[in-house]
Protein backbone atom coordinates (compact mmCIF):
# COMPACT_ATOMS: atom_id res chain seq x y z
CA MET A 1 -57.62 -33.30 -43.24
CA ALA A 2 -59.56 -31.03 -46.25
CA THR A 3 -60.60 -28.41 -44.11
CA LEU A 4 -56.64 -28.26 -43.46
CA ASP A 5 -55.79 -28.26 -47.12
CA VAL A 6 -58.47 -25.40 -47.79
CA TRP A 7 -56.64 -23.63 -44.86
CA SER A 8 -53.40 -24.25 -46.35
CA SER A 9 -53.94 -22.62 -49.80
CA GLU A 10 -55.98 -19.63 -48.61
CA VAL A 11 -52.64 -18.64 -46.35
CA SER A 12 -50.39 -19.52 -49.55
CA ARG A 13 -52.99 -17.21 -51.72
CA THR A 14 -52.59 -14.81 -49.03
CA ALA A 15 -49.07 -14.46 -48.57
CA ALA A 16 -48.63 -14.24 -52.42
CA ARG A 17 -50.85 -11.24 -52.30
CA ALA A 18 -48.82 -9.52 -49.47
CA LEU A 19 -45.41 -10.49 -51.05
CA ARG A 20 -46.81 -8.68 -54.37
CA LEU A 21 -47.81 -5.74 -52.45
CA ALA A 22 -44.45 -5.43 -50.53
CA ARG A 23 -42.67 -5.32 -53.95
CA GLU A 24 -45.37 -2.42 -55.21
CA ILE A 25 -45.01 -0.16 -52.45
CA PRO A 26 -41.48 1.52 -53.92
CA ALA A 27 -43.46 1.84 -57.45
CA ILE A 28 -46.31 2.77 -55.18
CA VAL A 29 -44.95 5.61 -53.73
CA ALA A 30 -42.81 6.88 -57.03
CA ALA A 31 -46.11 6.64 -58.61
CA ALA A 32 -47.55 8.53 -55.96
CA ALA A 33 -44.99 11.53 -56.49
CA VAL A 34 -45.01 11.56 -60.07
CA ALA A 35 -48.95 11.87 -59.40
CA SER A 36 -48.68 14.63 -57.14
CA ALA A 37 -45.81 16.55 -59.69
CA VAL A 38 -48.70 15.98 -62.56
CA GLU A 39 -51.34 17.18 -60.50
CA ILE A 40 -49.97 20.67 -59.91
CA GLY A 41 -48.37 20.23 -63.62
CA ILE A 42 -51.46 20.49 -65.18
CA ARG A 43 -53.17 23.02 -62.78
CA THR A 44 -50.51 25.50 -63.51
CA VAL A 45 -48.32 24.70 -66.96
CA LYS A 46 -49.57 24.61 -70.68
CA LEU A 47 -49.98 20.54 -71.48
CA PRO A 48 -47.39 20.49 -73.68
CA THR A 49 -45.03 21.60 -71.44
CA VAL A 50 -46.29 19.21 -68.37
CA ALA A 51 -45.99 16.26 -71.09
CA ARG A 52 -42.71 17.20 -71.70
CA LEU A 53 -41.41 17.82 -68.15
CA ALA A 54 -43.02 13.82 -67.47
CA GLY A 55 -41.55 12.33 -70.43
CA THR A 56 -43.87 11.74 -72.53
CA PRO A 57 -44.55 14.40 -75.59
CA LEU A 58 -47.55 15.47 -76.75
CA ARG A 59 -48.24 14.29 -80.26
CA THR A 60 -50.41 16.21 -82.30
CA ASP A 61 -49.48 14.33 -85.63
CA ASP A 62 -51.34 11.21 -87.36
CA GLY A 63 -47.77 9.43 -87.26
CA VAL A 64 -48.43 5.19 -86.90
CA PRO A 65 -51.64 4.21 -87.17
CA PRO A 66 -52.20 2.93 -83.75
CA ARG A 67 -52.32 -1.26 -83.70
CA GLU A 68 -53.89 -3.28 -80.92
CA VAL A 69 -51.74 -3.20 -77.90
CA ASP A 70 -49.40 -6.52 -77.32
CA ARG A 71 -47.22 -5.26 -74.53
CA LEU A 72 -44.30 -4.68 -76.42
CA GLY A 73 -42.98 -7.41 -74.32
CA MET A 74 -42.45 -4.23 -71.46
CA PRO A 75 -40.03 -5.32 -69.07
CA PRO A 76 -41.22 -6.63 -65.60
CA ARG A 77 -40.18 -3.74 -63.82
CA LEU A 78 -42.04 -1.48 -65.89
CA VAL A 79 -45.50 -3.79 -65.79
CA LEU A 80 -44.82 -3.27 -62.18
CA ARG A 81 -44.64 0.57 -62.53
CA MET A 82 -47.96 0.88 -64.58
CA ARG A 83 -49.82 -1.50 -62.10
CA ALA A 84 -48.56 0.63 -59.18
CA VAL A 85 -49.74 3.95 -61.26
CA ARG A 86 -53.02 2.45 -61.51
CA ARG A 87 -53.61 1.11 -58.00
CA VAL A 88 -52.32 4.91 -57.03
CA MET A 89 -54.69 6.90 -59.16
CA ARG A 90 -58.12 4.51 -58.56
CA HIS A 91 -57.49 6.31 -55.11
CA TRP A 92 -56.42 9.76 -56.37
CA PRO A 93 -58.42 11.98 -54.66
CA PHE A 94 -58.81 14.59 -57.67
CA GLY A 95 -59.72 11.95 -60.28
CA ASP A 96 -57.93 9.38 -61.83
CA SER A 97 -59.18 11.13 -65.49
CA CYS A 98 -57.55 9.51 -68.10
CA LEU A 99 -54.97 12.18 -68.77
CA ARG A 100 -53.59 12.20 -65.54
CA LEU A 101 -53.39 8.04 -65.85
CA ALA A 102 -51.92 8.84 -69.24
CA LEU A 103 -48.87 11.78 -67.96
CA VAL A 104 -48.10 9.81 -64.58
CA SER A 105 -47.90 6.28 -66.69
CA GLY A 106 -46.02 7.91 -68.86
CA GLN A 107 -43.31 9.33 -66.56
CA ARG A 108 -43.18 6.23 -64.88
CA ILE A 109 -42.04 4.18 -68.29
CA HIS A 110 -40.25 6.93 -69.94
CA ALA A 111 -37.54 4.19 -70.55
CA VAL A 112 -39.37 2.94 -73.55
CA ARG A 113 -40.26 6.66 -75.26
CA PRO A 114 -44.12 6.61 -74.80
CA VAL A 115 -45.94 9.91 -76.63
CA LEU A 116 -49.45 11.32 -74.90
CA ARG A 117 -52.06 11.45 -77.64
CA ILE A 118 -55.30 12.84 -77.17
CA GLY A 119 -58.53 12.65 -79.19
CA VAL A 120 -61.71 13.19 -79.90
CA ALA A 121 -65.26 11.87 -80.66
CA LYS A 122 -68.78 13.50 -81.49
CA ASP A 123 -71.28 11.32 -79.55
CA ALA A 124 -75.38 11.59 -79.14
CA ASP A 125 -74.16 13.95 -75.91
CA GLY A 126 -71.48 15.89 -77.42
CA ILE A 127 -67.89 15.90 -77.86
CA ARG A 128 -65.88 13.97 -75.78
CA ALA A 129 -62.25 13.52 -75.29
CA HIS A 130 -59.62 10.99 -74.21
CA ALA A 131 -56.07 11.20 -73.45
CA TRP A 132 -53.77 7.29 -73.95
CA LEU A 133 -50.31 6.58 -74.38
CA GLU A 134 -48.37 5.35 -77.72
CA VAL A 135 -45.15 3.78 -77.81
CA ASP A 136 -43.85 3.17 -81.77
CA GLY A 137 -47.67 3.76 -82.66
CA VAL A 138 -49.25 1.10 -80.10
CA SER A 139 -51.87 2.12 -78.23
CA LEU A 140 -51.69 1.57 -74.62
CA ASP A 141 -54.65 2.31 -74.03
CA PRO A 142 -56.72 -1.44 -74.18
CA GLU A 143 -60.28 0.48 -74.25
CA ARG A 144 -60.78 3.13 -76.51
CA SER A 145 -58.14 4.85 -78.04
CA PHE A 146 -59.84 3.81 -81.55
CA GLU A 147 -63.45 5.56 -81.06
CA TYR A 148 -60.85 9.17 -81.23
CA ALA A 149 -59.67 11.17 -83.68
CA ILE A 150 -56.21 12.35 -83.12
CA LEU A 151 -56.61 15.89 -82.03
CA GLN A 152 -54.49 17.83 -84.64
CA SER A 153 -52.21 21.14 -83.63
CA THR A 154 -53.46 24.25 -85.25
CA ALA A 155 -50.03 25.86 -85.02
CA ALA A 156 -48.81 27.24 -88.07
CA SER A 157 -45.59 25.77 -89.15
CA PRO A 158 -42.30 27.87 -89.56
């Protein structure tokens, strides 16, 4: 009888995973389409233009100091979209760079008005760059956005 219970719980877990994936398929297809457009954009157009077209304007001022991520109470549909983007970008043939991930994610969650941030940091190997999203001053990068100084615009103000 214990074998039947183990088998039954495994079937239930497998069915739950299949159902979750089935619900993600439209978001995965949309993320793949956006990733294709972003890939073309970053190869043919200047970054501020690509970011604006993706609904994630590049922000180069200090703005609000970033705070730790608190999920912003994001609606479940946007969390699902972010998960779908990560799934697509893990298998993206051109690489899953932080810039690509931020641009595609930003387009998929444009309803919460994310901004693109780019930062630089110096380490023993030289200078590193990183891109991430912020919403209302909250970094959506759970990893290392705090290690980077935000890239400032050098354009003269009118």
